[in-house]
C-alpha atoms as a PDB file:
ATOM      1  CA  MET A   1     -59.516 -37.437  23.412  1.00  0.00           C
ATOM      2  CA  VAL A   2     -56.536 -36.810  21.106  1.00  0.00           C
ATOM      3  CA  SER A   3     -55.868 -39.670  18.701  1.00  0.00           C
ATOM      4  CA  TYR A   4     -52.473 -41.274  18.168  1.00  0.00           C
ATOM      5  CA  ASP A   5     -52.282 -39.709  14.707  1.00  0.00           C
ATOM      6  CA  ASP A   6     -52.994 -36.264  16.151  1.00  0.00           C
ATOM      7  CA  LYS A   7     -50.343 -36.717  18.859  1.00  0.00           C
ATOM      8  CA  ASN A   8     -47.821 -37.797  16.268  1.00  0.00           C
ATOM      9  CA  ARG A   9     -48.644 -34.848  14.013  1.00  0.00           C
ATOM     10  CA  TYR A  10     -48.384 -32.386  16.910  1.00  0.00           C
ATOM     11  CA  ALA A  11     -45.015 -33.868  17.911  1.00  0.00           C
ATOM     12  CA  ILE A  12     -43.689 -33.440  14.368  1.00  0.00           C
ATOM     13  CA  ASN A  13     -45.049 -29.895  14.142  1.00  0.00           C
ATOM     14  CA  ARG A  14     -43.549 -29.054  17.539  1.00  0.00           C
ATOM     15  CA  ARG A  15     -40.132 -30.222  16.398  1.00  0.00           C
ATOM     16  CA  THR A  16     -40.461 -28.177  13.217  1.00  0.00           C
ATOM     17  CA  MET A  17     -41.350 -25.140  15.338  1.00  0.00           C
ATOM     18  CA  ILE A  18     -38.193 -25.615  17.402  1.00  0.00           C
ATOM     19  CA  GLU A  19     -35.858 -26.007  14.448  1.00  0.00           C
ATOM     20  CA  MET A  20     -37.386 -23.518  12.001  1.00  0.00           C
ATOM     21  CA  HIS A  21     -39.135 -20.819  13.998  1.00  0.00           C
ATOM     22  CA  LEU A  22     -36.974 -20.775  17.131  1.00  0.00           C
ATOM     23  CA  ARG A  23     -33.432 -22.009  16.448  1.00  0.00           C
ATOM     24  CA  GLY A  24     -33.732 -20.734  12.898  1.00  0.00           C
ATOM     25  CA  ARG A  25     -34.453 -17.229  14.169  1.00  0.00           C
ATOM     26  CA  GLY A  26     -31.738 -17.042  16.819  1.00  0.00           C
ATOM     27  CA  ILE A  27     -33.263 -18.575  19.944  1.00  0.00           C
ATOM     28  CA  HIS A  28     -30.267 -20.237  21.577  1.00  0.00           C
ATOM     29  CA  ASP A  29     -31.161 -20.739  25.262  1.00  0.00           C
ATOM     30  CA  ARG A  30     -31.177 -24.526  25.602  1.00  0.00           C
ATOM     31  CA  ARG A  31     -33.509 -24.491  28.616  1.00  0.00           C
ATOM     32  CA  VAL A  32     -36.073 -22.405  26.728  1.00  0.00           C
ATOM     33  CA  LEU A  33     -35.872 -24.655  23.670  1.00  0.00           C
ATOM     34  CA  ASN A  34     -36.205 -27.814  25.765  1.00  0.00           C
ATOM     35  CA  ALA A  35     -39.202 -26.442  27.673  1.00  0.00           C
ATOM     36  CA  MET A  36     -41.026 -25.466  24.509  1.00  0.00           C
ATOM     37  CA  GLU A  37     -40.277 -28.817  22.931  1.00  0.00           C
ATOM     38  CA  ARG A  38     -41.819 -30.577  25.931  1.00  0.00           C
ATOM     39  CA  LEU A  39     -44.952 -28.464  26.264  1.00  0.00           C
ATOM     40  CA  PRO A  40     -48.054 -29.243  24.140  1.00  0.00           C
ATOM     41  CA  ARG A  41     -49.087 -25.819  22.807  1.00  0.00           C
ATOM     42  CA  GLU A  42     -52.235 -27.386  21.361  1.00  0.00           C
ATOM     43  CA  SER A  43     -53.497 -27.890  24.931  1.00  0.00           C
ATOM     44  CA  PHE A  44     -53.800 -24.123  25.341  1.00  0.00           C
ATOM     45  CA  ILE A  45     -55.751 -23.483  22.138  1.00  0.00           C
ATOM     46  CA  GLY A  46     -59.377 -24.261  21.345  1.00  0.00           C
ATOM     47  CA  LYS A  47     -60.195 -27.074  18.928  1.00  0.00           C
ATOM     48  CA  LYS A  48     -60.960 -24.588  16.155  1.00  0.00           C
ATOM     49  CA  TYR A  49     -57.311 -23.504  15.957  1.00  0.00           C
ATOM     50  CA  ALA A  50     -55.520 -26.571  17.347  1.00  0.00           C
ATOM     51  CA  SER A  51     -54.274 -27.627  13.907  1.00  0.00           C
ATOM     52  CA  SER A  52     -52.386 -24.301  13.731  1.00  0.00           C
ATOM     53  CA  ALA A  53     -50.869 -24.637  17.209  1.00  0.00           C
ATOM     54  CA  TYR A  54     -47.270 -24.647  15.966  1.00  0.00           C
ATOM     55  CA  ASP A  55     -47.572 -22.060  13.223  1.00  0.00           C
ATOM     56  CA  ASP A  56     -45.449 -19.016  13.989  1.00  0.00           C
ATOM     57  CA  ASN A  57     -48.275 -16.563  14.473  1.00  0.00           C
ATOM     58  CA  PRO A  58     -50.655 -15.492  17.252  1.00  0.00           C
ATOM     59  CA  LEU A  59     -54.049 -17.187  17.553  1.00  0.00           C
ATOM     60  CA  PRO A  60     -57.359 -16.075  19.147  1.00  0.00           C
ATOM     61  CA  ILE A  61     -58.168 -17.450  22.606  1.00  0.00           C
ATOM     62  CA  GLY A  62     -61.383 -15.517  23.295  1.00  0.00           C
ATOM     63  CA  MET A  63     -62.264 -12.265  25.078  1.00  0.00           C
ATOM     64  CA  GLY A  64     -60.432 -10.329  22.355  1.00  0.00           C
ATOM     65  CA  GLN A  65     -57.101 -11.828  23.459  1.00  0.00           C
ATOM     66  CA  THR A  66     -54.490 -13.940  21.686  1.00  0.00           C
ATOM     67  CA  ILE A  67     -51.827 -16.524  22.394  1.00  0.00           C
ATOM     68  CA  SER A  68     -48.511 -15.059  21.237  1.00  0.00           C
ATOM     69  CA  GLN A  69     -46.586 -16.617  18.374  1.00  0.00           C
ATOM     70  CA  PRO A  70     -44.026 -19.208  19.518  1.00  0.00           C
ATOM     71  CA  TYR A  71     -41.043 -17.070  18.509  1.00  0.00           C
ATOM     72  CA  ILE A  72     -42.162 -14.148  20.673  1.00  0.00           C
ATOM     73  CA  VAL A  73     -42.825 -16.471  23.638  1.00  0.00           C
ATOM     74  CA  ALA A  74     -39.324 -17.924  23.250  1.00  0.00           C
ATOM     75  CA  LEU A  75     -37.696 -14.518  22.738  1.00  0.00           C
ATOM     76  CA  MET A  76     -39.316 -12.897  25.778  1.00  0.00           C
ATOM     77  CA  THR A  77     -38.493 -15.921  27.918  1.00  0.00           C
ATOM     78  CA  GLN A  78     -34.897 -15.971  26.712  1.00  0.00           C
ATOM     79  CA  CYS A  79     -34.587 -12.278  27.588  1.00  0.00           C
ATOM     80  CA  LEU A  80     -35.546 -13.062  31.189  1.00  0.00           C
ATOM     81  CA  ASP A  81     -32.302 -15.076  31.545  1.00  0.00           C
ATOM     82  CA  LEU A  82     -33.796 -17.623  33.952  1.00  0.00           C
ATOM     83  CA  SER A  83     -31.539 -19.987  35.883  1.00  0.00           C
ATOM     84  CA  GLY A  84     -34.280 -21.801  37.798  1.00  0.00           C
ATOM     85  CA  SER A  85     -34.109 -19.998  41.143  1.00  0.00           C
ATOM     86  CA  GLU A  86     -36.186 -16.938  40.285  1.00  0.00           C
ATOM     87  CA  GLU A  87     -39.650 -15.792  41.322  1.00  0.00           C
ATOM     88  CA  VAL A  88     -41.398 -14.408  38.236  1.00  0.00           C
ATOM     89  CA  LEU A  89     -44.413 -12.132  37.944  1.00  0.00           C
ATOM     90  CA  GLU A  90     -46.396 -12.524  34.723  1.00  0.00           C
ATOM     91  CA  ILE A  91     -48.831  -9.803  33.705  1.00  0.00           C
ATOM     92  CA  GLY A  92     -51.468 -11.392  31.466  1.00  0.00           C
ATOM     93  CA  THR A  93     -52.041 -15.109  32.018  1.00  0.00           C
ATOM     94  CA  GLY A  94     -54.009 -15.417  28.790  1.00  0.00           C
ATOM     95  CA  SER A  95     -54.082 -19.010  27.569  1.00  0.00           C
ATOM     96  CA  GLY A  96     -51.525 -20.099  30.169  1.00  0.00           C
ATOM     97  CA  TYR A  97     -48.941 -21.211  27.597  1.00  0.00           C
ATOM     98  CA  GLN A  98     -46.360 -18.563  28.508  1.00  0.00           C
ATOM     99  CA  THR A  99     -47.111 -19.372  32.152  1.00  0.00           C
ATOM    100  CA  ALA A 100     -46.319 -23.029  31.498  1.00  0.00           C
ATOM    101  CA  VAL A 101     -42.987 -22.146  29.880  1.00  0.00           C
ATOM    102  CA  LEU A 102     -42.080 -19.976  32.872  1.00  0.00           C
ATOM    103  CA  SER A 103     -43.174 -22.733  35.251  1.00  0.00           C
ATOM    104  CA  GLU A 104     -40.660 -25.071  33.629  1.00  0.00           C
ATOM    105  CA  LEU A 105     -37.805 -22.597  34.021  1.00  0.00           C
ATOM    106  CA  ALA A 106     -38.364 -20.669  37.280  1.00  0.00           C
ATOM    107  CA  ALA A 107     -38.799 -21.535  40.928  1.00  0.00           C
ATOM    108  CA  LYS A 108     -42.214 -19.848  41.242  1.00  0.00           C
ATOM    109  CA  VAL A 109     -44.584 -18.018  38.903  1.00  0.00           C
ATOM    110  CA  TYR A 110     -47.167 -15.462  39.996  1.00  0.00           C
ATOM    111  CA  THR A 111     -49.600 -14.615  37.213  1.00  0.00           C
ATOM    112  CA  ILE A 112     -52.342 -12.002  36.886  1.00  0.00           C
ATOM    113  CA  GLU A 113     -55.200 -12.074  34.387  1.00  0.00           C
ATOM    114  CA  ARG A 114     -57.873  -9.424  33.869  1.00  0.00           C
ATOM    115  CA  PHE A 115     -60.525 -11.877  32.647  1.00  0.00           C
ATOM    116  CA  GLY A 116     -61.717 -14.465  35.151  1.00  0.00           C
ATOM    117  CA  GLU A 117     -62.867 -16.813  32.385  1.00  0.00           C
ATOM    118  CA  LEU A 118     -59.412 -16.900  30.787  1.00  0.00           C
ATOM    119  CA  SER A 119     -57.768 -17.431  34.164  1.00  0.00           C
ATOM    120  CA  GLU A 120     -60.010 -20.402  34.878  1.00  0.00           C
ATOM    121  CA  GLN A 121     -59.317 -21.937  31.465  1.00  0.00           C
ATOM    122  CA  ALA A 122     -55.580 -21.454  31.915  1.00  0.00           C
ATOM    123  CA  GLN A 123     -55.665 -23.006  35.385  1.00  0.00           C
ATOM    124  CA  ALA A 124     -57.469 -26.057  34.002  1.00  0.00           C
ATOM    125  CA  SER A 125     -54.931 -26.463  31.179  1.00  0.00           C
ATOM    126  CA  LEU A 126     -51.980 -26.085  33.537  1.00  0.00           C
ATOM    127  CA  ALA A 127     -53.456 -28.496  36.072  1.00  0.00           C
ATOM    128  CA  LYS A 128     -53.597 -31.186  33.382  1.00  0.00           C
ATOM    129  CA  LEU A 129     -49.854 -30.720  32.910  1.00  0.00           C
ATOM    130  CA  ASP A 130     -49.305 -30.941  36.686  1.00  0.00           C
ATOM    131  CA  CYS A 131     -47.774 -27.453  36.923  1.00  0.00           C
ATOM    132  CA  LYS A 132     -47.722 -26.788  40.664  1.00  0.00           C
ATOM    133  CA  ASN A 133     -45.370 -23.837  41.169  1.00  0.00           C
ATOM    134  CA  ILE A 134     -47.894 -21.217  40.024  1.00  0.00           C
ATOM    135  CA  GLU A 135     -50.121 -18.772  41.906  1.00  0.00           C
ATOM    136  CA  PHE A 136     -53.031 -17.166  40.056  1.00  0.00           C
ATOM    137  CA  THR A 137     -55.046 -14.044  40.621  1.00  0.00           C
ATOM    138  CA  VAL A 138     -57.617 -12.036  38.669  1.00  0.00           C
ATOM    139  CA  GLY A 139     -57.251  -8.278  38.586  1.00  0.00           C
ATOM    140  CA  ASP A 140     -55.551  -5.218  37.135  1.00  0.00           C
ATOM    141  CA  GLY A 141     -52.092  -6.372  36.096  1.00  0.00           C
ATOM    142  CA  SER A 142     -50.808  -2.815  35.754  1.00  0.00           C
ATOM    143  CA  CYS A 143     -51.107  -2.505  39.537  1.00  0.00           C
ATOM    144  CA  GLY A 144     -48.894  -5.521  40.120  1.00  0.00           C
ATOM    145  CA  TRP A 145     -49.354  -8.286  42.670  1.00  0.00           C
ATOM    146  CA  SER A 146     -51.794  -7.510  45.467  1.00  0.00           C
ATOM    147  CA  GLU A 147     -49.339  -8.337  48.243  1.00  0.00           C
ATOM    148  CA  ASP A 148     -46.393  -6.117  49.134  1.00  0.00           C
ATOM    149  CA  ARG A 149     -43.588  -8.125  47.540  1.00  0.00           C
ATOM    150  CA  GLN A 150     -40.883  -7.982  44.891  1.00  0.00           C
ATOM    151  CA  PHE A 151     -39.887 -10.314  42.072  1.00  0.00           C
ATOM    152  CA  ASP A 152     -36.653 -11.336  40.375  1.00  0.00           C
ATOM    153  CA  ARG A 153     -38.257 -11.124  36.943  1.00  0.00           C
ATOM    154  CA  ILE A 154     -41.393  -9.495  35.507  1.00  0.00           C
ATOM    155  CA  ILE A 155     -42.884 -10.212  32.088  1.00  0.00           C
ATOM    156  CA  ILE A 156     -45.712  -8.123  30.625  1.00  0.00           C
ATOM    157  CA  THR A 157     -47.530  -9.941  27.830  1.00  0.00           C
ATOM    158  CA  ALA A 158     -49.671  -7.015  26.621  1.00  0.00           C
ATOM    159  CA  ALA A 159     -48.753  -3.582  25.293  1.00  0.00           C
ATOM    160  CA  VAL A 160     -48.147  -0.725  27.729  1.00  0.00           C
ATOM    161  CA  PRO A 161     -47.480   2.954  26.916  1.00  0.00           C
ATOM    162  CA  GLU A 162     -44.639   2.820  29.477  1.00  0.00           C
ATOM    163  CA  VAL A 163     -43.596   0.464  32.254  1.00  0.00           C
ATOM    164  CA  PRO A 164     -46.221   0.872  35.016  1.00  0.00           C
ATOM    165  CA  GLU A 165     -44.832   2.444  38.175  1.00  0.00           C
ATOM    166  CA  PRO A 166     -46.146  -0.317  40.496  1.00  0.00           C
ATOM    167  CA  LEU A 167     -44.233  -2.890  38.435  1.00  0.00           C
ATOM    168  CA  LYS A 168     -41.042  -0.882  38.655  1.00  0.00           C
ATOM    169  CA  ASP A 169     -41.469  -0.931  42.436  1.00  0.00           C
ATOM    170  CA  GLN A 170     -42.137  -4.676  42.496  1.00  0.00           C
ATOM    171  CA  LEU A 171     -38.977  -5.526  40.553  1.00  0.00           C
ATOM    172  CA  ARG A 172     -36.098  -6.490  42.824  1.00  0.00           C
ATOM    173  CA  GLU A 173     -32.775  -4.682  42.628  1.00  0.00           C
ATOM    174  CA  GLY A 174     -30.805  -6.291  39.806  1.00  0.00           C
ATOM    175  CA  GLY A 175     -33.969  -7.829  38.391  1.00  0.00           C
ATOM    176  CA  LEU A 176     -35.091  -7.930  34.759  1.00  0.00           C
ATOM    177  CA  LEU A 177     -38.390  -6.865  33.187  1.00  0.00           C
ATOM    178  CA  VAL A 178     -39.491  -7.638  29.623  1.00  0.00           C
ATOM    179  CA  ALA A 179     -42.414  -5.823  28.001  1.00  0.00           C
ATOM    180  CA  PRO A 180     -43.861  -4.503  24.712  1.00  0.00           C
ATOM    181  CA  VAL A 181     -43.810  -0.718  25.156  1.00  0.00           C
ATOM    182  CA  GLY A 182     -45.303   1.828  22.776  1.00  0.00           C
ATOM    183  CA  GLY A 183     -48.539   2.723  21.017  1.00  0.00           C
ATOM    184  CA  GLN A 184     -51.786   0.815  20.888  1.00  0.00           C
ATOM    185  CA  TYR A 185     -50.999  -0.785  17.525  1.00  0.00           C
ATOM    186  CA  THR A 186     -47.215  -1.218  17.367  1.00  0.00           C
ATOM    187  CA  GLN A 187     -44.615  -1.422  20.089  1.00  0.00           C
ATOM    188  CA  GLU A 188     -40.972  -2.162  20.797  1.00  0.00           C
ATOM    189  CA  LEU A 189     -40.034  -5.168  22.876  1.00  0.00           C
ATOM    190  CA  VAL A 190     -37.746  -3.887  25.619  1.00  0.00           C
ATOM    191  CA  ILE A 191     -35.727  -5.485  28.381  1.00  0.00           C
ATOM    192  CA  ALA A 192     -35.127  -3.384  31.481  1.00  0.00           C
ATOM    193  CA  LYS A 193     -32.725  -3.944  34.370  1.00  0.00           C
ATOM    194  CA  LYS A 194     -33.158  -2.339  37.781  1.00  0.00           C
ATOM    195  CA  ASN A 195     -30.085  -0.660  39.233  1.00  0.00           C
ATOM    196  CA  ASN A 196     -30.219   1.744  42.198  1.00  0.00           C
ATOM    197  CA  ASP A 197     -34.025   1.936  41.837  1.00  0.00           C
ATOM    198  CA  CYS A 198     -33.724   3.051  38.196  1.00  0.00           C
ATOM    199  CA  LEU A 199     -34.452   1.095  35.030  1.00  0.00           C
ATOM    200  CA  SER A 200     -31.955   0.936  32.191  1.00  0.00           C
ATOM    201  CA  THR A 201     -33.633  -0.307  29.018  1.00  0.00           C
ATOM    202  CA  GLU A 202     -32.586  -1.971  25.791  1.00  0.00           C
ATOM    203  CA  THR A 203     -34.774  -2.365  22.704  1.00  0.00           C
ATOM    204  CA  ILE A 204     -34.886  -5.894  21.296  1.00  0.00           C
ATOM    205  CA  CYS A 205     -37.192  -5.599  18.284  1.00  0.00           C
ATOM    206  CA  GLY A 206     -40.480  -4.256  17.008  1.00  0.00           C
ATOM    207  CA  CYS A 207     -43.631  -6.160  17.961  1.00  0.00           C
ATOM    208  CA  ARG A 208     -47.408  -6.001  18.099  1.00  0.00           C
ATOM    209  CA  PHE A 209     -49.478  -7.003  21.144  1.00  0.00           C
ATOM    210  CA  VAL A 210     -53.028  -6.413  22.321  1.00  0.00           C
ATOM    211  CA  LYS A 211     -53.054  -3.532  24.792  1.00  0.00           C
ATOM    212  CA  LEU A 212     -52.991  -3.924  28.562  1.00  0.00           C
ATOM    213  CA  ILE A 213     -56.079  -2.356  30.131  1.00  0.00           C
ATOM    214  CA  GLY A 214     -55.580  -0.927  33.590  1.00  0.00           C
ATOM    215  CA  GLN A 215     -55.011   1.988  35.914  1.00  0.00           C
ATOM    216  CA  TYR A 216     -51.362   2.332  34.901  1.00  0.00           C
ATOM    217  CA  ALA A 217     -51.756   1.175  31.300  1.00  0.00           C
ATOM    218  CA  TYR A 218     -54.404   1.847  28.651  1.00  0.00           C
ATOM    219  CA  GLY A 219     -58.017   2.792  29.286  1.00  0.00           C
ATOM    220  CA  GLU A 220     -60.960   0.802  27.955  1.00  0.00           C
END
């Protein structure tokens, strides 16, 4: 159980995160800021690192994976330009924190995680927050969703050498995709828009993510 003092400290740290790490670095989408101010990031991090929940850096979540720093979560979400009516595909459920942010801002979230243990932990954390507009699956995210469907938005939360072909196919015409694209150690965060079955891309900034393992991504 979280004490009153802990709750108060987390609330203060969350507000500092919003003002310093997000607004202070150019995050301006009010819906994104409001969602991240509401959501308890500490709920998605183990007790060992909970005190650092609102520091602007990634933290370990097990299985060699990390929860992205708050700024990157906000930036990628802002790039998706969500109005609330979209169906979003997330590649890499991880801790479930990015999933929770998307859940607040989109009509439906479909999320894929390679590790069953992480997916189960994320589902438990999200259930406690009563997030109901999410579908989960465990599998190879580079192959996209198992059913034959398309999405308004796709977000890839692990590094890929290039945008996987199945994900290009699963992006609706006019849809947006955000992903870290590049080498295994450093990448560029790109936003891609689908027009006439082709992707036009724009580079946002440099970044560093753990690599996506899969048939259309990196090998083991």
